Amino acid sequence: MGAGIPAYAEDILRNVPIRTCHFSLGQPVFCQQPYSGQAVIKQSGVFRVCKISLGAVSFCQAPYTGRSLTKMQSGLYEQCDMTLGQIRFCYGPYTGKAVLQPELQ
């Protein structure tokens, strides 16, 4: 994980690079350059740790257990505890710096 920044992401959307973003009360405020490092990506309904290179996923590993940022149905981002790639409990809205793939406009 890069520079002490938690690396998180949500479902992969084509042609939109994964970036480091700043969040305030569950909303992205601004995003920076494409991210390189590890991030939690939802792939086929399961969250996995993936290697990211210049904003693109290069490969993913086994289902993730830990804490990750997830966009909720309300449209806000919250931190969620996960076990074997599945969400168990969420709390938020999230404020801080994290890695995610922005949505297409």
Protein backbone atom coordinates (compact mmCIF):
# COMPACT_ATOMS: atom_id res chain seq x y z
CA MET A 1 0.00 0.00 0.00
CA GLY A 2 1.34 3.39 -0.93
CA ALA A 3 2.62 6.09 1.42
CA GLY A 4 0.42 5.16 4.39
CA ILE A 5 -2.76 5.71 2.35
CA PRO A 6 -5.39 2.98 2.71
CA ALA A 7 -6.00 1.50 -0.74
CA TYR A 8 -9.64 0.87 -1.53
CA ALA A 9 -11.74 0.73 -4.68
CA GLU A 10 -15.15 -0.41 -5.85
CA ASP A 11 -16.44 -2.16 -9.00
CA ILE A 12 -14.18 -1.78 -12.02
CA LEU A 13 -15.52 0.65 -14.62
CA ARG A 14 -13.80 0.63 -18.00
CA ASN A 15 -11.65 3.56 -19.20
CA VAL A 16 -11.68 5.35 -15.84
CA PRO A 17 -8.34 5.09 -14.02
CA ILE A 18 -8.22 4.19 -10.33
CA ARG A 19 -7.04 7.27 -8.41
CA THR A 20 -6.29 8.49 -4.90
CA CYS A 21 -9.23 10.64 -3.77
CA HIS A 22 -10.01 12.86 -0.80
CA PHE A 23 -13.44 12.32 0.78
CA SER A 24 -15.59 14.51 3.00
CA LEU A 25 -18.70 13.06 4.66
CA GLY A 26 -18.91 10.16 2.21
CA GLN A 27 -18.40 12.16 -1.00
CA PRO A 28 -15.22 12.40 -3.11
CA VAL A 29 -14.00 16.02 -3.03
CA PHE A 30 -11.17 15.66 -5.54
CA CYS A 31 -9.00 12.93 -7.04
CA GLN A 32 -5.31 12.94 -7.98
CA GLN A 33 -3.09 11.15 -10.50
CA PRO A 34 -3.73 7.49 -11.47
CA TYR A 35 -2.80 5.15 -8.59
CA SER A 36 -0.14 2.41 -8.52
CA GLY A 37 -0.07 -0.12 -5.67
CA GLN A 38 -2.61 -2.49 -4.10
CA ALA A 39 -6.34 -1.82 -3.85
CA VAL A 40 -9.46 -3.71 -2.84
CA ILE A 41 -11.61 -4.19 -5.97
CA LYS A 42 -15.06 -5.76 -6.29
CA GLN A 43 -14.80 -8.40 -9.01
CA SER A 44 -17.69 -10.74 -9.88
CA GLY A 45 -19.48 -9.82 -6.63
CA VAL A 46 -16.45 -10.55 -4.40
CA PHE A 47 -13.95 -8.02 -3.00
CA ARG A 48 -10.33 -8.95 -3.78
CA VAL A 49 -6.89 -7.38 -3.29
CA CYS A 50 -5.62 -6.34 -6.72
CA LYS A 51 -2.37 -4.93 -8.07
CA ILE A 52 -2.91 -1.55 -9.72
CA SER A 53 -0.44 -0.04 -12.19
CA LEU A 54 -0.98 3.55 -13.38
CA GLY A 55 -4.69 3.34 -12.58
CA ALA A 56 -5.36 -0.04 -14.22
CA VAL A 57 -5.87 -3.47 -12.60
CA SER A 58 -3.10 -5.91 -13.54
CA PHE A 59 -4.17 -8.95 -11.44
CA CYS A 60 -6.26 -9.87 -8.38
CA GLN A 61 -5.76 -12.33 -5.53
CA ALA A 62 -8.02 -14.33 -3.20
CA PRO A 63 -11.12 -12.85 -1.53
CA TYR A 64 -10.29 -9.99 0.86
CA THR A 65 -10.71 -9.96 4.64
CA GLY A 66 -10.34 -6.59 6.34
CA ARG A 67 -11.75 -3.07 6.00
CA SER A 68 -12.58 -1.41 2.68
CA LEU A 69 -14.37 1.63 1.30
CA THR A 70 -17.67 0.89 -0.44
CA LYS A 71 -20.28 3.03 -2.15
CA MET A 72 -23.65 2.43 -0.50
CA GLN A 73 -27.10 2.58 -2.14
CA SER A 74 -27.48 6.07 -0.65
CA GLY A 75 -24.61 7.19 -2.90
CA LEU A 76 -22.29 7.82 0.07
CA TYR A 77 -19.00 6.00 0.66
CA GLU A 78 -18.63 4.11 3.94
CA GLN A 79 -15.96 1.89 5.43
CA CYS A 80 -17.03 -1.74 5.64
CA ASP A 81 -15.62 -4.75 7.45
CA MET A 82 -15.30 -7.72 5.09
CA THR A 83 -14.73 -11.44 5.51
CA LEU A 84 -13.68 -13.58 2.55
CA GLY A 85 -14.71 -10.86 0.10
CA GLN A 86 -18.20 -10.26 1.54
CA ILE A 87 -19.42 -7.17 3.45
CA ARG A 88 -20.26 -7.87 7.11
CA PHE A 89 -20.75 -4.40 8.65
CA CYS A 90 -20.46 -0.79 7.42
CA TYR A 91 -20.10 2.57 9.15
CA GLY A 92 -19.64 6.05 7.84
CA PRO A 93 -19.94 8.29 5.95
CA TYR A 94 -16.19 8.21 5.24
CA THR A 95 -13.91 11.24 5.57
CA GLY A 96 -10.26 10.92 4.63
CA LYS A 97 -8.03 9.82 1.78
CA ALA A 98 -8.54 6.56 -0.08
CA VAL A 99 -8.08 4.90 -3.45
CA LEU A 100 -11.07 4.17 -5.67
CA GLN A 101 -12.17 4.11 -9.25
CA PRO A 102 -14.37 7.12 -10.01
CA GLU A 103 -17.71 6.54 -11.70
CA LEU A 104 -18.32 7.52 -15.29
CA GLN A 105 -20.15 10.83 -15.61
